[in-house]
Structure formats: C-alpha cells, structure tokens
Amino acid sequence: MGDATSYRQTWAYDAHRRIDGLTNTRNVGGKPETVADYRFAYDLNGNPLSQIVVTGLEDFVGDDRGFEVDRLNRLVGTVYYGSGQAESTTFDRLGNREVHVNRQGQTTEYTLANPANEYATINGQAVQYDGTGNLCRDEDGHGYAYDEQNP
C-alpha cells in the first residue's frame, strides 16, 4: 500500500462565492506534492479575466491564460500565455454559437435548424433533439436520454 497514489483538490472562494483558488495535489508513496496551484481573477461583472498557475509540476507551470468576454458577458476568447495559442467563439445576434476555433486552430461550425435555436449541424454533422428540445444525438453520434425530471 505504500506505493499507492492519491489525488486531492482544494477549492478557495472569494466573498462573491467565485472560485479564486484551486490546488491539485497528489500523494505518491507517502510523499505529497503540488500538481498545480491556480489563482483566478474576475472583472466587476464576475466574468473570468485570468487563470494563473502559482506553482506546480513543470507540465502545468506556464499554463496561464487570459479570458476575453464581449459586452454581453459571453466568453469569446482565451489566450494561453505560455504557448501563445488562442481560442475564439463567435455568436449570432441571438447568442447562438456560429464558429469556435480551438487552440490548435481547428474550426467547428454550427448551423441552426429552427426558430427554437436548435442546431441542425455541428461541423457538418447532423444532431437530433426530442420533442421538448433536449439533445438526443450529438455530432459524434453519442446518444443522450432524459428522465421524467427533465421533460
């Protein structure tokens, strides 16, 4: 049992109940170490501004990122400071996603199906909804089921 590995997350919150700290630790063979210790900053509307790694393992240090929100408080961009990579999302006038570009530069396009703002396709792949608007099949073919608590 001395070689067992365990993991733990510790969360800290600010006065507005937003996460302002997250520490991931692991214990390997009785030796605890910090995997990553994050701090978060927010704007006056409560939108995230940044995620900074204070300390941690080499793979995590340098994973700092900044967030961009639009005037409607929607996340529209993320910049990864260590790599210089970025993600972006564009929305139509009703707030539906139109395009998302991930940090590798891959683009996902969204096409609306109807006035209920359900998507017909995501990245050219059809998606399906049930009669109450719940997603039943996603663009990767994964199926979803809902119980009576989500009519």
Protein backbone atom coordinates (compact mmCIF):
# COMPACT_ATOMS: atom_id res chain seq x y z
CA MET A 1 0.00 0.00 0.00
CA GLY A 2 2.99 2.34 0.36
CA ASP A 3 3.15 2.81 -3.42
CA ALA A 4 -0.49 3.91 -3.76
CA THR A 5 -1.17 7.27 -5.40
CA SER A 6 -4.00 9.52 -4.24
CA TYR A 7 -5.19 12.88 -5.57
CA ARG A 8 -6.88 15.78 -3.83
CA GLN A 9 -8.43 19.08 -4.92
CA THR A 10 -8.81 22.02 -2.58
CA TRP A 11 -11.01 24.95 -3.59
CA ALA A 12 -10.97 28.52 -2.25
CA TYR A 13 -13.75 31.06 -2.79
CA ASP A 14 -13.93 34.85 -2.68
CA ALA A 15 -16.62 36.92 -0.94
CA HIS A 16 -18.86 36.58 -4.04
CA ARG A 17 -18.63 32.75 -3.94
CA ARG A 18 -16.48 32.60 -7.06
CA ILE A 19 -13.57 30.20 -7.19
CA ASP A 20 -10.40 32.19 -6.62
CA GLY A 21 -8.05 29.32 -5.88
CA LEU A 22 -7.73 25.66 -6.81
CA THR A 23 -4.93 23.41 -5.63
CA ASN A 24 -4.40 19.92 -7.05
CA THR A 25 -2.11 17.69 -5.02
CA ARG A 26 -1.08 14.08 -5.27
CA ASN A 27 0.43 11.79 -2.74
CA VAL A 28 2.76 9.15 -4.15
CA GLY A 29 4.07 6.62 -1.67
CA GLY A 30 3.54 8.98 1.26
CA LYS A 31 5.18 11.99 -0.44
CA PRO A 32 2.68 14.80 -1.12
CA GLU A 33 3.40 17.24 -3.94
CA THR A 34 1.52 20.09 -5.58
CA VAL A 35 0.50 19.25 -9.13
CA ALA A 36 -0.88 22.72 -9.86
CA ASP A 37 -1.93 25.67 -7.71
CA TYR A 38 -4.24 28.04 -9.65
CA ARG A 39 -5.46 31.56 -8.88
CA PHE A 40 -8.32 33.28 -10.70
CA ALA A 41 -9.25 36.91 -11.32
CA TYR A 42 -12.61 38.38 -12.34
CA ASP A 43 -13.95 41.65 -13.74
CA LEU A 44 -16.64 43.73 -12.00
CA ASN A 45 -19.40 41.71 -13.71
CA GLY A 46 -17.99 38.45 -12.37
CA ASN A 47 -16.54 37.32 -15.70
CA PRO A 48 -13.25 35.44 -15.58
CA LEU A 49 -10.21 37.50 -16.56
CA SER A 50 -7.35 35.10 -15.90
CA GLN A 51 -6.21 31.75 -14.60
CA ILE A 52 -2.64 31.77 -13.32
CA VAL A 53 -0.61 28.79 -12.12
CA VAL A 54 1.19 29.94 -8.98
CA THR A 55 3.21 26.77 -8.51
CA GLY A 56 3.18 23.18 -9.66
CA LEU A 57 4.76 20.50 -11.79
CA GLU A 58 6.60 21.51 -14.95
CA ASP A 59 3.75 20.41 -17.25
CA PHE A 60 1.39 22.86 -15.54
CA VAL A 61 3.57 25.88 -14.88
CA GLY A 62 3.19 28.19 -17.85
CA ASP A 63 -0.41 27.14 -18.45
CA ASP A 64 -1.55 30.66 -17.56
CA ARG A 65 -4.42 32.02 -19.59
CA GLY A 66 -6.43 35.16 -20.08
CA PHE A 67 -10.10 35.34 -20.97
CA GLU A 68 -11.99 37.79 -23.16
CA VAL A 69 -15.71 38.47 -22.81
CA ASP A 70 -17.95 40.57 -25.02
CA ARG A 71 -20.33 43.33 -23.92
CA LEU A 72 -23.00 40.67 -23.24
CA ASN A 73 -20.65 38.89 -20.79
CA ARG A 74 -20.11 35.87 -23.06
CA LEU A 75 -16.72 34.17 -23.20
CA VAL A 76 -15.42 34.90 -26.71
CA GLY A 77 -11.71 34.26 -26.40
CA THR A 78 -8.95 32.59 -24.43
CA VAL A 79 -5.23 33.30 -24.78
CA TYR A 80 -2.72 30.75 -23.50
CA TYR A 81 0.23 32.88 -22.43
CA GLY A 82 2.84 30.11 -22.35
CA SER A 83 2.26 28.84 -25.88
CA GLY A 84 0.78 31.96 -27.47
CA GLN A 85 -2.15 29.84 -28.68
CA ALA A 86 -5.70 31.21 -28.61
CA GLU A 87 -9.31 30.06 -28.82
CA SER A 88 -12.25 32.11 -30.04
CA THR A 89 -16.01 31.82 -30.36
CA THR A 90 -18.36 33.96 -32.44
CA PHE A 91 -22.08 34.28 -31.81
CA ASP A 92 -25.01 35.44 -33.91
CA ARG A 93 -27.27 38.31 -32.78
CA LEU A 94 -29.40 35.92 -30.72
CA GLY A 95 -26.43 34.46 -28.86
CA ASN A 96 -26.14 31.18 -30.75
CA ARG A 97 -22.67 29.86 -31.42
CA GLU A 98 -21.66 30.22 -35.07
CA VAL A 99 -17.98 29.28 -35.05
CA HIS A 100 -15.47 28.07 -32.47
CA VAL A 101 -11.72 27.91 -33.19
CA ASN A 102 -9.78 25.81 -30.66
CA ARG A 103 -6.20 26.37 -29.57
CA GLN A 104 -4.88 24.05 -32.31
CA GLY A 105 -6.62 26.21 -34.92
CA GLN A 106 -9.36 23.68 -35.69
CA THR A 107 -12.69 25.25 -36.58
CA THR A 108 -16.11 23.97 -35.53
CA GLU A 109 -19.11 25.49 -37.33
CA TYR A 110 -22.67 25.49 -36.02
CA THR A 111 -25.80 25.67 -38.22
CA LEU A 112 -29.25 26.43 -36.80
CA ALA A 113 -32.24 24.24 -37.65
CA ASN A 114 -35.26 26.18 -36.44
CA PRO A 115 -36.64 29.19 -34.53
CA ALA A 116 -36.10 27.29 -31.25
CA ASN A 117 -32.35 27.88 -31.78
CA GLU A 118 -31.58 24.18 -32.01
CA TYR A 119 -28.57 23.29 -34.14
CA ALA A 120 -29.12 21.29 -37.32
CA THR A 121 -25.44 20.50 -37.71
CA ILE A 122 -22.23 20.92 -35.78
CA ASN A 123 -19.19 20.82 -38.01
CA GLY A 124 -21.32 19.43 -40.82
CA GLN A 125 -22.63 16.50 -38.75
CA ALA A 126 -26.36 16.26 -38.02
CA VAL A 127 -27.62 16.47 -34.45
CA GLN A 128 -31.06 15.43 -33.14
CA TYR A 129 -33.43 16.72 -30.47
CA ASP A 130 -36.52 15.26 -28.81
CA GLY A 131 -39.92 16.94 -28.81
CA THR A 132 -39.07 19.13 -25.83
CA GLY A 133 -35.78 20.35 -27.25
CA ASN A 134 -33.34 18.07 -25.41
CA LEU A 135 -30.29 17.00 -27.39
CA CYS A 136 -30.66 13.27 -28.18
CA ARG A 137 -27.77 12.67 -30.59
CA ASP A 138 -24.68 14.87 -30.88
CA GLU A 139 -22.32 15.47 -33.80
CA ASP A 140 -20.17 12.50 -32.78
CA GLY A 141 -23.15 10.12 -32.72
CA HIS A 142 -23.36 9.94 -28.92
CA GLY A 143 -26.91 9.38 -27.67
CA TYR A 144 -28.50 11.09 -24.66
CA ALA A 145 -31.59 10.07 -22.68
CA TYR A 146 -33.66 12.08 -20.21
CA ASP A 147 -35.91 11.04 -17.35
CA GLU A 148 -39.20 12.48 -16.11
CA GLN A 149 -37.36 15.21 -14.17
CA ASN A 150 -36.24 16.71 -17.47
CA PRO A 151 -39.34 16.62 -19.65
